[in-house]
Structure formats: structure tokens, C-alpha cells
N, C-alpha and C. Protein backbone atom coordinates (compact mmCIF):
# COMPACT_ATOMS: atom_id res chain seq x y z
N UNK A 1 4.29 24.91 9.73
CA UNK A 1 2.88 25.02 10.17
C UNK A 1 1.71 23.95 9.29
N UNK A 2 2.13 23.93 8.24
CA UNK A 2 1.28 23.02 7.21
C UNK A 2 1.35 21.57 7.85
N UNK A 3 2.64 21.31 8.14
CA UNK A 3 3.03 19.89 8.48
C UNK A 3 2.11 19.55 9.53
N UNK A 4 1.84 20.45 10.64
CA UNK A 4 1.42 19.99 11.75
C UNK A 4 -0.05 19.89 11.57
N UNK A 5 -0.70 20.80 10.55
CA UNK A 5 -1.98 20.81 10.19
C UNK A 5 -2.43 19.13 9.60
N UNK A 6 -1.42 18.90 8.84
CA UNK A 6 -1.74 17.46 8.17
C UNK A 6 -1.74 16.60 8.96
N UNK A 7 -0.73 16.72 10.09
CA UNK A 7 -0.54 15.52 11.03
C UNK A 7 -1.77 15.51 12.00
N UNK A 8 -2.28 16.68 12.49
CA UNK A 8 -3.47 16.57 13.10
C UNK A 8 -4.61 16.11 12.55
N UNK A 9 -4.86 16.47 11.11
CA UNK A 9 -5.87 15.99 10.62
C UNK A 9 -5.81 14.34 10.26
N UNK A 10 -4.73 13.77 10.36
CA UNK A 10 -4.66 12.32 10.01
C UNK A 10 -5.01 11.70 11.42
N UNK A 11 -4.32 12.09 12.50
CA UNK A 11 -4.71 12.14 13.89
C UNK A 11 -6.06 11.99 14.16
N UNK A 12 -6.97 13.04 13.88
CA UNK A 12 -8.30 13.19 13.97
C UNK A 12 -9.08 11.99 13.31
N UNK A 13 -8.54 11.85 11.87
CA UNK A 13 -9.31 11.05 11.33
C UNK A 13 -8.97 9.44 11.71
N UNK A 14 -7.80 9.20 12.18
CA UNK A 14 -7.67 7.93 12.79
C UNK A 14 -8.44 7.62 14.01
N UNK A 15 -8.67 8.69 14.77
CA UNK A 15 -9.49 8.53 16.08
C UNK A 15 -10.71 8.26 15.65
N UNK A 16 -11.26 9.10 14.66
CA UNK A 16 -12.93 8.68 14.21
C UNK A 16 -12.85 7.41 13.65
N UNK A 17 -11.98 6.66 12.92
CA UNK A 17 -12.00 5.57 12.63
C UNK A 17 -12.27 4.26 13.45
N UNK A 18 -11.12 4.66 14.46
CA UNK A 18 -11.07 3.57 15.78
C UNK A 18 -12.49 3.81 16.13
N UNK A 19 -13.01 4.97 16.54
CA UNK A 19 -14.18 5.17 17.43
C UNK A 19 -15.52 4.45 16.57
N UNK A 20 -15.47 4.54 15.28
CA UNK A 20 -16.50 4.00 14.56
C UNK A 20 -16.38 2.44 14.46
N UNK A 21 -15.12 2.04 14.48
CA UNK A 21 -15.01 0.44 14.55
C UNK A 21 -15.39 -0.13 15.81
N UNK A 22 -14.80 0.43 16.92
CA UNK A 22 -15.41 -0.12 18.27
C UNK A 22 -16.86 0.11 18.60
N UNK A 23 -17.50 1.24 17.87
CA UNK A 23 -18.72 1.10 18.06
C UNK A 23 -19.54 0.25 17.54
N UNK A 24 -19.01 -0.42 16.22
CA UNK A 24 -19.85 -1.45 15.41
C UNK A 24 -19.39 -3.11 16.12
N UNK A 25 -18.53 -2.83 17.14
CA UNK A 25 -18.38 -4.13 17.79
C UNK A 25 -17.14 -4.87 17.10
N UNK A 26 -16.29 -4.04 16.24
CA UNK A 26 -15.38 -4.76 15.37
C UNK A 26 -13.92 -5.08 16.36
N UNK A 27 -13.98 -4.53 17.44
CA UNK A 27 -12.79 -4.95 18.29
C UNK A 27 -12.84 -6.12 18.79
N UNK A 28 -14.18 -6.88 19.21
CA UNK A 28 -14.09 -8.12 19.56
C UNK A 28 -13.82 -9.23 18.16
N UNK A 29 -14.14 -8.78 17.31
CA UNK A 29 -13.92 -9.61 16.13
C UNK A 29 -12.28 -9.75 15.66
N UNK A 30 -11.73 -8.71 16.01
CA UNK A 30 -10.37 -8.86 15.73
C UNK A 30 -9.27 -9.51 16.88
N UNK A 31 -9.89 -9.39 18.03
CA UNK A 31 -9.38 -10.24 19.01
C UNK A 31 -9.73 -11.71 18.72
N UNK A 32 -10.74 -11.91 18.73
CA UNK A 32 -10.87 -13.40 18.14
C UNK A 32 -10.16 -13.95 17.18
N UNK A 33 -10.21 -13.31 16.04
CA UNK A 33 -9.42 -13.59 14.71
C UNK A 33 -7.94 -13.89 15.08
N UNK A 34 -7.50 -12.81 15.96
CA UNK A 34 -5.95 -12.78 16.35
C UNK A 34 -5.75 -14.02 17.27
N UNK A 35 -6.69 -14.30 18.05
CA UNK A 35 -6.44 -15.43 18.87
C UNK A 35 -6.52 -16.94 18.15
N UNK A 36 -7.31 -16.87 17.37
CA UNK A 36 -7.27 -18.06 16.45
C UNK A 36 -6.29 -18.23 15.50
N UNK A 37 -5.59 -17.14 15.08
CA UNK A 37 -4.40 -17.50 14.33
C UNK A 37 -3.10 -17.65 15.01
N UNK A 38 -3.34 -16.94 16.37
CA UNK A 38 -1.94 -17.42 17.12
C UNK A 38 -1.85 -18.86 17.84
N UNK A 39 -3.10 -19.30 18.18
CA UNK A 39 -3.26 -20.84 18.32
C UNK A 39 -3.01 -21.74 17.23
N UNK A 40 -3.36 -21.31 16.03
CA UNK A 40 -3.11 -22.07 14.91
C UNK A 40 -1.51 -22.12 14.66
N UNK A 41 -0.90 -20.97 14.83
CA UNK A 41 0.49 -20.99 14.65
C UNK A 41 1.41 -21.91 15.46
N UNK A 42 0.84 -22.09 17.04
CA UNK A 42 1.52 -22.70 17.84
C UNK A 42 1.23 -24.31 17.79
N UNK A 43 0.01 -24.64 17.04
CA UNK A 43 -0.28 -25.93 16.78
C UNK A 43 -1.53 -26.40 17.60
N UNK A 44 -2.14 -25.30 18.33
CA UNK A 44 -3.10 -25.94 19.46
C UNK A 44 -4.44 -25.93 18.62
N UNK A 45 -4.73 -24.98 17.66
CA UNK A 45 -5.93 -24.76 17.31
C UNK A 45 -6.46 -25.33 16.04
């Protein structure tokens, strides 16, 4: 029973952190950085 409460709490905190990051527009920054890193790895960027 206690294990499931901890799991639920961690899930809720994770969802809250994702929502805050998305509200601040950080998702676009992460996508831009990942695309830049990918292009550098294959030698285009």
C-alpha cells in the first residue's frame, strides 16, 4: 500500500514538472537543442 502511494506521488510531481516546463515554453528549446546536436553528430550543422 505504501509503495503505491509513493509511486502515485512521484507520478503527480513528474506531471506537474512537465506541465510547468511546457507552460514556460521550454519544450521548443529542448527540441531546437536536440535537432542542433543531431545535425552536428551527422556532420551537417
